[in-house]
Structures are given as structure tokens and as C-alpha cells.
Amino acid sequence: DAFSRFSTAPNVVVSWPGYRPAQQVWQWGLPDGRPAEPLELGFASIWRTTVPPTARISCTIETATGKATVRTSGALGT
């Protein structure tokens, strides 16, 4: 219920597993073929902490020709 839309493209399927502390996973199923316009995918991160929060984020795309991953991290200061 966090989004009215998860993507700027039609026919995108979004799923995620049940709650696990310190881990949040989103999986998008995209239609076959190259999109006509740049694709935007929405996601949210839910935080519950008593200390300044930090995060490590990675995104992996997998196609018939292989997969690629990007990673970043960050922290919110007090």
C-alpha cells in the first residue's frame, strides 16, 4: 500500500518476501523486450532504529545474456 504504481511501464510485476530483520528484498518481473522509454522502478525502505541508521544497497539485473550488480552504502547523520 506504499505506492499506487511501482513502475512507469505497463505489465510490471512486483513481489517481495516476508519480513526479515535487517534485510529487504524487492523483485520486479519486467515484460520481454526493450522499453520504448526509460524505465523507472519505485521502492521504499522502512526503518526502525534507536541509533543513526546505515544501509548497504545493491541492485542486480538478470537477463538471458547474464547479470550485473551495482552496490552503494550510506548513513544518516545525527
PDB file of N, CA and C in Angstrom:
ATOM      1  N   ASP A   1       0.817  -1.200   0.000  1.00  0.00           N
ATOM      2  CA  ASP A   1       0.000   0.000   0.000  1.00  0.00           C
ATOM      3  C   ASP A   1       0.859   1.262   0.000  1.00  0.00           C
ATOM      4  N   ALA A   2       2.165   1.145  -0.163  1.00  0.00           N
ATOM      5  CA  ALA A   2       3.043   2.315  -0.150  1.00  0.00           C
ATOM      6  C   ALA A   2       3.021   3.072  -1.473  1.00  0.00           C
ATOM      7  N   PHE A   3       2.654   2.402  -2.557  1.00  0.00           N
ATOM      8  CA  PHE A   3       2.663   3.020  -3.876  1.00  0.00           C
ATOM      9  C   PHE A   3       1.335   2.772  -4.586  1.00  0.00           C
ATOM     10  N   SER A   4       0.940   3.743  -5.392  1.00  0.00           N
ATOM     11  CA  SER A   4      -0.186   3.482  -6.278  1.00  0.00           C
ATOM     12  C   SER A   4       0.310   2.827  -7.563  1.00  0.00           C
ATOM     13  N   ARG A   5       1.607   3.024  -7.884  1.00  0.00           N
ATOM     14  CA  ARG A   5       2.270   2.437  -9.045  1.00  0.00           C
ATOM     15  C   ARG A   5       3.696   2.080  -8.674  1.00  0.00           C
ATOM     16  N   PHE A   6       4.197   0.975  -9.165  1.00  0.00           N
ATOM     17  CA  PHE A   6       5.578   0.581  -8.894  1.00  0.00           C
ATOM     18  C   PHE A   6       6.518   0.910 -10.044  1.00  0.00           C
ATOM     19  N   SER A   7       5.963   1.219 -11.210  1.00  0.00           N
ATOM     20  CA  SER A   7       6.798   1.430 -12.379  1.00  0.00           C
ATOM     21  C   SER A   7       6.120   2.382 -13.350  1.00  0.00           C
ATOM     22  N   THR A   8       6.940   2.986 -14.214  1.00  0.00           N
ATOM     23  CA  THR A   8       6.404   3.840 -15.267  1.00  0.00           C
ATOM     24  C   THR A   8       6.009   3.023 -16.490  1.00  0.00           C
ATOM     25  N   ALA A   9       6.271   1.715 -16.481  1.00  0.00           N
ATOM     26  CA  ALA A   9       5.946   0.846 -17.616  1.00  0.00           C
ATOM     27  C   ALA A   9       4.749  -0.046 -17.267  1.00  0.00           C
ATOM     28  N   PRO A  10       3.940  -0.412 -18.254  1.00  0.00           N
ATOM     29  CA  PRO A  10       2.832  -1.333 -18.001  1.00  0.00           C
ATOM     30  C   PRO A  10       3.334  -2.768 -17.842  1.00  0.00           C
ATOM     31  N   ASN A  11       2.520  -3.608 -17.245  1.00  0.00           N
ATOM     32  CA  ASN A  11       2.771  -5.056 -17.131  1.00  0.00           C
ATOM     33  C   ASN A  11       4.011  -5.417 -16.321  1.00  0.00           C
ATOM     34  N   VAL A  12       4.362  -4.609 -15.343  1.00  0.00           N
ATOM     35  CA  VAL A  12       5.472  -4.918 -14.439  1.00  0.00           C
ATOM     36  C   VAL A  12       4.889  -5.578 -13.196  1.00  0.00           C
ATOM     37  N   VAL A  13       5.470  -6.689 -12.776  1.00  0.00           N
ATOM     38  CA  VAL A  13       5.020  -7.423 -11.601  1.00  0.00           C
ATOM     39  C   VAL A  13       6.041  -7.205 -10.489  1.00  0.00           C
ATOM     40  N   VAL A  14       5.574  -6.883  -9.274  1.00  0.00           N
ATOM     41  CA  VAL A  14       6.463  -6.641  -8.146  1.00  0.00           C
ATOM     42  C   VAL A  14       6.123  -7.633  -7.038  1.00  0.00           C
ATOM     43  N   SER A  15       7.150  -8.217  -6.436  1.00  0.00           N
ATOM     44  CA  SER A  15       6.929  -9.110  -5.297  1.00  0.00           C
ATOM     45  C   SER A  15       8.061  -8.936  -4.304  1.00  0.00           C
ATOM     46  N   TRP A  16       7.817  -9.349  -3.077  1.00  0.00           N
ATOM     47  CA  TRP A  16       8.843  -9.304  -2.040  1.00  0.00           C
ATOM     48  C   TRP A  16       8.517 -10.376  -1.010  1.00  0.00           C
ATOM     49  N   PRO A  17       9.555 -10.951  -0.383  1.00  0.00           N
ATOM     50  CA  PRO A  17       9.330 -11.977   0.632  1.00  0.00           C
ATOM     51  C   PRO A  17       8.850 -11.347   1.937  1.00  0.00           C
ATOM     52  N   GLY A  18       8.494 -12.184   2.893  1.00  0.00           N
ATOM     53  CA  GLY A  18       8.066 -11.719   4.202  1.00  0.00           C
ATOM     54  C   GLY A  18       9.160 -10.966   4.945  1.00  0.00           C
ATOM     55  N   TYR A  19       8.783 -10.336   6.034  1.00  0.00           N
ATOM     56  CA  TYR A  19       9.695  -9.520   6.836  1.00  0.00           C
ATOM     57  C   TYR A  19      10.862 -10.331   7.371  1.00  0.00           C
ATOM     58  N   ARG A  20      12.061  -9.778   7.239  1.00  0.00           N
ATOM     59  CA  ARG A  20      13.277 -10.320   7.842  1.00  0.00           C
ATOM     60  C   ARG A  20      14.058  -9.144   8.394  1.00  0.00           C
ATOM     61  N   PRO A  21      14.424  -9.159   9.674  1.00  0.00           N
ATOM     62  CA  PRO A  21      15.190  -8.038  10.238  1.00  0.00           C
ATOM     63  C   PRO A  21      16.460  -7.777   9.428  1.00  0.00           C
ATOM     64  N   ALA A  22      16.730  -6.507   9.182  1.00  0.00           N
ATOM     65  CA  ALA A  22      17.948  -6.038   8.511  1.00  0.00           C
ATOM     66  C   ALA A  22      18.050  -6.455   7.048  1.00  0.00           C
ATOM     67  N   GLN A  23      16.939  -6.904   6.446  1.00  0.00           N
ATOM     68  CA  GLN A  23      17.001  -7.254   5.031  1.00  0.00           C
ATOM     69  C   GLN A  23      15.661  -6.957   4.382  1.00  0.00           C
ATOM     70  N   GLN A  24      15.723  -6.310   3.244  1.00  0.00           N
ATOM     71  CA  GLN A  24      14.520  -6.028   2.480  1.00  0.00           C
ATOM     72  C   GLN A  24      14.813  -6.337   1.024  1.00  0.00           C
ATOM     73  N   VAL A  25      13.983  -7.157   0.403  1.00  0.00           N
ATOM     74  CA  VAL A  25      14.222  -7.599  -0.972  1.00  0.00           C
ATOM     75  C   VAL A  25      12.994  -7.263  -1.814  1.00  0.00           C
ATOM     76  N   TRP A  26      13.220  -6.667  -2.965  1.00  0.00           N
ATOM     77  CA  TRP A  26      12.162  -6.407  -3.940  1.00  0.00           C
ATOM     78  C   TRP A  26      12.541  -7.133  -5.223  1.00  0.00           C
ATOM     79  N   GLN A  27      11.562  -7.743  -5.882  1.00  0.00           N
ATOM     80  CA  GLN A  27      11.833  -8.399  -7.157  1.00  0.00           C
ATOM     81  C   GLN A  27      10.806  -7.921  -8.177  1.00  0.00           C
ATOM     82  N   TRP A  28      11.308  -7.417  -9.302  1.00  0.00           N
ATOM     83  CA  TRP A  28      10.449  -6.940 -10.379  1.00  0.00           C
ATOM     84  C   TRP A  28      10.503  -7.931 -11.527  1.00  0.00           C
ATOM     85  N   GLY A  29       9.355  -8.250 -12.085  1.00  0.00           N
ATOM     86  CA  GLY A  29       9.268  -9.026 -13.321  1.00  0.00           C
ATOM     87  C   GLY A  29       8.884  -8.067 -14.432  1.00  0.00           C
ATOM     88  N   LEU A  30       9.776  -7.894 -15.388  1.00  0.00           N
ATOM     89  CA  LEU A  30       9.562  -6.939 -16.469  1.00  0.00           C
ATOM     90  C   LEU A  30       9.124  -7.654 -17.734  1.00  0.00           C
ATOM     91  N   PRO A  31       8.320  -6.999 -18.564  1.00  0.00           N
ATOM     92  CA  PRO A  31       7.918  -7.625 -19.824  1.00  0.00           C
ATOM     93  C   PRO A  31       9.124  -7.820 -20.741  1.00  0.00           C
ATOM     94  N   ASP A  32       9.006  -8.777 -21.658  1.00  0.00           N
ATOM     95  CA  ASP A  32      10.084  -9.029 -22.622  1.00  0.00           C
ATOM     96  C   ASP A  32      10.302  -7.810 -23.508  1.00  0.00           C
ATOM     97  N   GLY A  33      11.520  -7.659 -23.977  1.00  0.00           N
ATOM     98  CA  GLY A  33      11.841  -6.608 -24.934  1.00  0.00           C
ATOM     99  C   GLY A  33      12.341  -5.343 -24.274  1.00  0.00           C
ATOM    100  N   ARG A  34      12.826  -4.466 -25.100  1.00  0.00           N
ATOM    101  CA  ARG A  34      13.365  -3.190 -24.650  1.00  0.00           C
ATOM    102  C   ARG A  34      12.219  -2.192 -24.477  1.00  0.00           C
ATOM    103  N   PRO A  35      12.189  -1.453 -23.342  1.00  0.00           N
ATOM    104  CA  PRO A  35      11.116  -0.469 -23.175  1.00  0.00           C
ATOM    105  C   PRO A  35      11.255   0.678 -24.180  1.00  0.00           C
ATOM    106  N   ALA A  36      10.118   1.260 -24.558  1.00  0.00           N
ATOM    107  CA  ALA A  36      10.112   2.358 -25.523  1.00  0.00           C
ATOM    108  C   ALA A  36      10.724   3.624 -24.929  1.00  0.00           C
ATOM    109  N   GLU A  37      10.612   3.801 -23.605  1.00  0.00           N
ATOM    110  CA  GLU A  37      11.136   4.973 -22.914  1.00  0.00           C
ATOM    111  C   GLU A  37      11.936   4.512 -21.697  1.00  0.00           C
ATOM    112  N   PRO A  38      12.770   5.392 -21.112  1.00  0.00           N
ATOM    113  CA  PRO A  38      13.492   4.996 -19.890  1.00  0.00           C
ATOM    114  C   PRO A  38      12.521   4.474 -18.826  1.00  0.00           C
ATOM    115  N   LEU A  39      12.929   3.445 -18.131  1.00  0.00           N
ATOM    116  CA  LEU A  39      12.092   2.760 -17.148  1.00  0.00           C
ATOM    117  C   LEU A  39      12.416   3.236 -15.743  1.00  0.00           C
ATOM    118  N   GLU A  40      11.413   3.558 -14.958  1.00  0.00           N
ATOM    119  CA  GLU A  40      11.595   3.906 -13.549  1.00  0.00           C
ATOM    120  C   GLU A  40      10.919   2.846 -12.695  1.00  0.00           C
ATOM    121  N   LEU A  41      11.634   2.387 -11.658  1.00  0.00           N
ATOM    122  CA  LEU A  41      11.099   1.403 -10.710  1.00  0.00           C
ATOM    123  C   LEU A  41      11.097   2.035  -9.327  1.00  0.00           C
ATOM    124  N   GLY A  42       9.969   2.009  -8.644  1.00  0.00           N
ATOM    125  CA  GLY A  42       9.874   2.595  -7.313  1.00  0.00           C
ATOM    126  C   GLY A  42      10.127   1.564  -6.222  1.00  0.00           C
ATOM    127  N   PHE A  43      10.715   1.988  -5.128  1.00  0.00           N
ATOM    128  CA  PHE A  43      10.887   1.123  -3.975  1.00  0.00           C
ATOM    129  C   PHE A  43      10.875   1.975  -2.724  1.00  0.00           C
ATOM    130  N   ALA A  44      10.694   1.329  -1.597  1.00  0.00           N
ATOM    131  CA  ALA A  44      10.698   2.034  -0.320  1.00  0.00           C
ATOM    132  C   ALA A  44      11.560   1.259   0.653  1.00  0.00           C
ATOM    133  N   SER A  45      12.064   1.965   1.622  1.00  0.00           N
ATOM    134  CA  SER A  45      12.836   1.336   2.690  1.00  0.00           C
ATOM    135  C   SER A  45      12.204   1.742   4.013  1.00  0.00           C
ATOM    136  N   ILE A  46      11.842   0.777   4.820  1.00  0.00           N
ATOM    137  CA  ILE A  46      11.188   1.018   6.104  1.00  0.00           C
ATOM    138  C   ILE A  46      12.244   0.884   7.198  1.00  0.00           C
ATOM    139  N   TRP A  47      12.366   1.909   8.058  1.00  0.00           N
ATOM    140  CA  TRP A  47      13.412   1.935   9.089  1.00  0.00           C
ATOM    141  C   TRP A  47      12.778   1.923  10.475  1.00  0.00           C
ATOM    142  N   ARG A  48      13.381   1.172  11.355  1.00  0.00           N
ATOM    143  CA  ARG A  48      13.029   1.193  12.771  1.00  0.00           C
ATOM    144  C   ARG A  48      14.330   1.014  13.539  1.00  0.00           C
ATOM    145  N   THR A  49      14.793   2.082  14.177  1.00  0.00           N
ATOM    146  CA  THR A  49      16.102   2.033  14.805  1.00  0.00           C
ATOM    147  C   THR A  49      16.179   3.023  15.967  1.00  0.00           C
ATOM    148  N   THR A  50      17.056   2.733  16.893  1.00  0.00           N
ATOM    149  CA  THR A  50      17.310   3.657  18.005  1.00  0.00           C
ATOM    150  C   THR A  50      18.693   4.291  17.898  1.00  0.00           C
ATOM    151  N   VAL A  51      19.422   3.953  16.817  1.00  0.00           N
ATOM    152  CA  VAL A  51      20.746   4.522  16.555  1.00  0.00           C
ATOM    153  C   VAL A  51      20.714   5.141  15.152  1.00  0.00           C
ATOM    154  N   PRO A  52      21.685   5.995  14.816  1.00  0.00           N
ATOM    155  CA  PRO A  52      21.697   6.543  13.454  1.00  0.00           C
ATOM    156  C   PRO A  52      21.707   5.415  12.417  1.00  0.00           C
ATOM    157  N   PRO A  53      20.780   5.434  11.475  1.00  0.00           N
ATOM    158  CA  PRO A  53      20.662   4.322  10.531  1.00  0.00           C
ATOM    159  C   PRO A  53      21.750   4.317   9.463  1.00  0.00           C
ATOM    160  N   THR A  54      22.131   3.129   9.058  1.00  0.00           N
ATOM    161  CA  THR A  54      23.056   2.916   7.950  1.00  0.00           C
ATOM    162  C   THR A  54      22.420   1.887   7.018  1.00  0.00           C
ATOM    163  N   ALA A  55      22.877   1.872   5.788  1.00  0.00           N
ATOM    164  CA  ALA A  55      22.323   0.912   4.831  1.00  0.00           C
ATOM    165  C   ALA A  55      23.366   0.533   3.799  1.00  0.00           C
ATOM    166  N   ARG A  56      23.276  -0.703   3.348  1.00  0.00           N
ATOM    167  CA  ARG A  56      24.010  -1.194   2.187  1.00  0.00           C
ATOM    168  C   ARG A  56      22.946  -1.583   1.174  1.00  0.00           C
ATOM    169  N   ILE A  57      23.066  -1.080  -0.035  1.00  0.00           N
ATOM    170  CA  ILE A  57      22.051  -1.307  -1.056  1.00  0.00           C
ATOM    171  C   ILE A  57      22.718  -1.909  -2.280  1.00  0.00           C
ATOM    172  N   SER A  58      22.069  -2.924  -2.844  1.00  0.00           N
ATOM    173  CA  SER A  58      22.563  -3.487  -4.101  1.00  0.00           C
ATOM    174  C   SER A  58      21.378  -3.729  -5.029  1.00  0.00           C
ATOM    175  N   CYS A  59      21.655  -3.696  -6.309  1.00  0.00           N
ATOM    176  CA  CYS A  59      20.641  -3.938  -7.319  1.00  0.00           C
ATOM    177  C   CYS A  59      21.252  -4.847  -8.373  1.00  0.00           C
ATOM    178  N   THR A  60      20.576  -5.950  -8.650  1.00  0.00           N
ATOM    179  CA  THR A  60      21.062  -6.899  -9.655  1.00  0.00           C
ATOM    180  C   THR A  60      20.009  -7.043 -10.743  1.00  0.00           C
ATOM    181  N   ILE A  61      20.442  -6.957 -11.981  1.00  0.00           N
ATOM    182  CA  ILE A  61      19.555  -7.216 -13.109  1.00  0.00           C
ATOM    183  C   ILE A  61      20.037  -8.493 -13.777  1.00  0.00           C
ATOM    184  N   GLU A  62      19.081  -9.352 -14.106  1.00  0.00           N
ATOM    185  CA  GLU A  62      19.411 -10.620 -14.737  1.00  0.00           C
ATOM    186  C   GLU A  62      18.585 -10.769 -16.002  1.00  0.00           C
ATOM    187  N   THR A  63      19.260 -11.058 -17.113  1.00  0.00           N
ATOM    188  CA  THR A  63      18.600 -11.280 -18.395  1.00  0.00           C
ATOM    189  C   THR A  63      19.103 -12.594 -18.975  1.00  0.00           C
ATOM    190  N   ALA A  64      18.618 -12.925 -20.137  1.00  0.00           N
ATOM    191  CA  ALA A  64      19.053 -14.157 -20.799  1.00  0.00           C
ATOM    192  C   ALA A  64      20.542 -14.124 -21.125  1.00  0.00           C
ATOM    193  N   THR A  65      21.130 -12.936 -21.222  1.00  0.00           N
ATOM    194  CA  THR A  65      22.555 -12.829 -21.572  1.00  0.00           C
ATOM    195  C   THR A  65      23.473 -12.734 -20.365  1.00  0.00           C
ATOM    196  N   GLY A  66      22.913 -12.689 -19.164  1.00  0.00           N
ATOM    197  CA  GLY A  66      23.748 -12.629 -17.964  1.00  0.00           C
ATOM    198  C   GLY A  66      23.167 -11.690 -16.931  1.00  0.00           C
ATOM    199  N   LYS A  67      23.981 -11.338 -15.915  1.00  0.00           N
ATOM    200  CA  LYS A  67      23.513 -10.425 -14.883  1.00  0.00           C
ATOM    201  C   LYS A  67      24.611  -9.446 -14.488  1.00  0.00           C
ATOM    202  N   ALA A  68      24.182  -8.330 -13.899  1.00  0.00           N
ATOM    203  CA  ALA A  68      25.099  -7.291 -13.437  1.00  0.00           C
ATOM    204  C   ALA A  68      24.564  -6.738 -12.129  1.00  0.00           C
ATOM    205  N   THR A  69      25.472  -6.341 -11.227  1.00  0.00           N
ATOM    206  CA  THR A  69      25.091  -5.825  -9.912  1.00  0.00           C
ATOM    207  C   THR A  69      25.794  -4.497  -9.660  1.00  0.00           C
ATOM    208  N   VAL A  70      25.058  -3.551  -9.062  1.00  0.00           N
ATOM    209  CA  VAL A  70      25.655  -2.313  -8.558  1.00  0.00           C
ATOM    210  C   VAL A  70      25.401  -2.253  -7.068  1.00  0.00           C
ATOM    211  N   ARG A  71      26.326  -1.637  -6.309  1.00  0.00           N
ATOM    212  CA  ARG A  71      26.205  -1.556  -4.850  1.00  0.00           C
ATOM    213  C   ARG A  71      26.567  -0.154  -4.382  1.00  0.00           C
ATOM    214  N   THR A  72      25.948   0.262  -3.264  1.00  0.00           N
ATOM    215  CA  THR A  72      26.302   1.511  -2.608  1.00  0.00           C
ATOM    216  C   THR A  72      25.966   1.378  -1.137  1.00  0.00           C
ATOM    217  N   SER A  73      26.384   2.340  -0.336  1.00  0.00           N
ATOM    218  CA  SER A  73      26.055   2.333   1.086  1.00  0.00           C
ATOM    219  C   SER A  73      25.975   3.776   1.560  1.00  0.00           C
ATOM    220  N   GLY A  74      25.413   3.963   2.740  1.00  0.00           N
ATOM    221  CA  GLY A  74      25.302   5.297   3.286  1.00  0.00           C
ATOM    222  C   GLY A  74      24.837   5.277   4.726  1.00  0.00           C
ATOM    223  N   ALA A  75      24.853   6.455   5.345  1.00  0.00           N
ATOM    224  CA  ALA A  75      24.426   6.600   6.729  1.00  0.00           C
ATOM    225  C   ALA A  75      23.767   7.959   6.901  1.00  0.00           C
ATOM    226  N   LEU A  76      22.813   8.044   7.807  1.00  0.00           N
ATOM    227  CA  LEU A  76      22.190   9.311   8.152  1.00  0.00           C
ATOM    228  C   LEU A  76      22.874   9.846   9.392  1.00  0.00           C
ATOM    229  N   GLY A  77      23.332  11.086   9.351  1.00  0.00           N
ATOM    230  CA  GLY A  77      23.997  11.695  10.496  1.00  0.00           C
ATOM    231  C   GLY A  77      22.985  12.212  11.510  1.00  0.00           C
ATOM    232  N   THR A  78      23.445  12.460  12.709  1.00  0.00           N
ATOM    233  CA  THR A  78      22.542  12.988  13.748  1.00  0.00           C
ATOM    234  C   THR A  78      22.713  14.475  13.885  1.00  0.00           C
TER     235      THR A  78
END
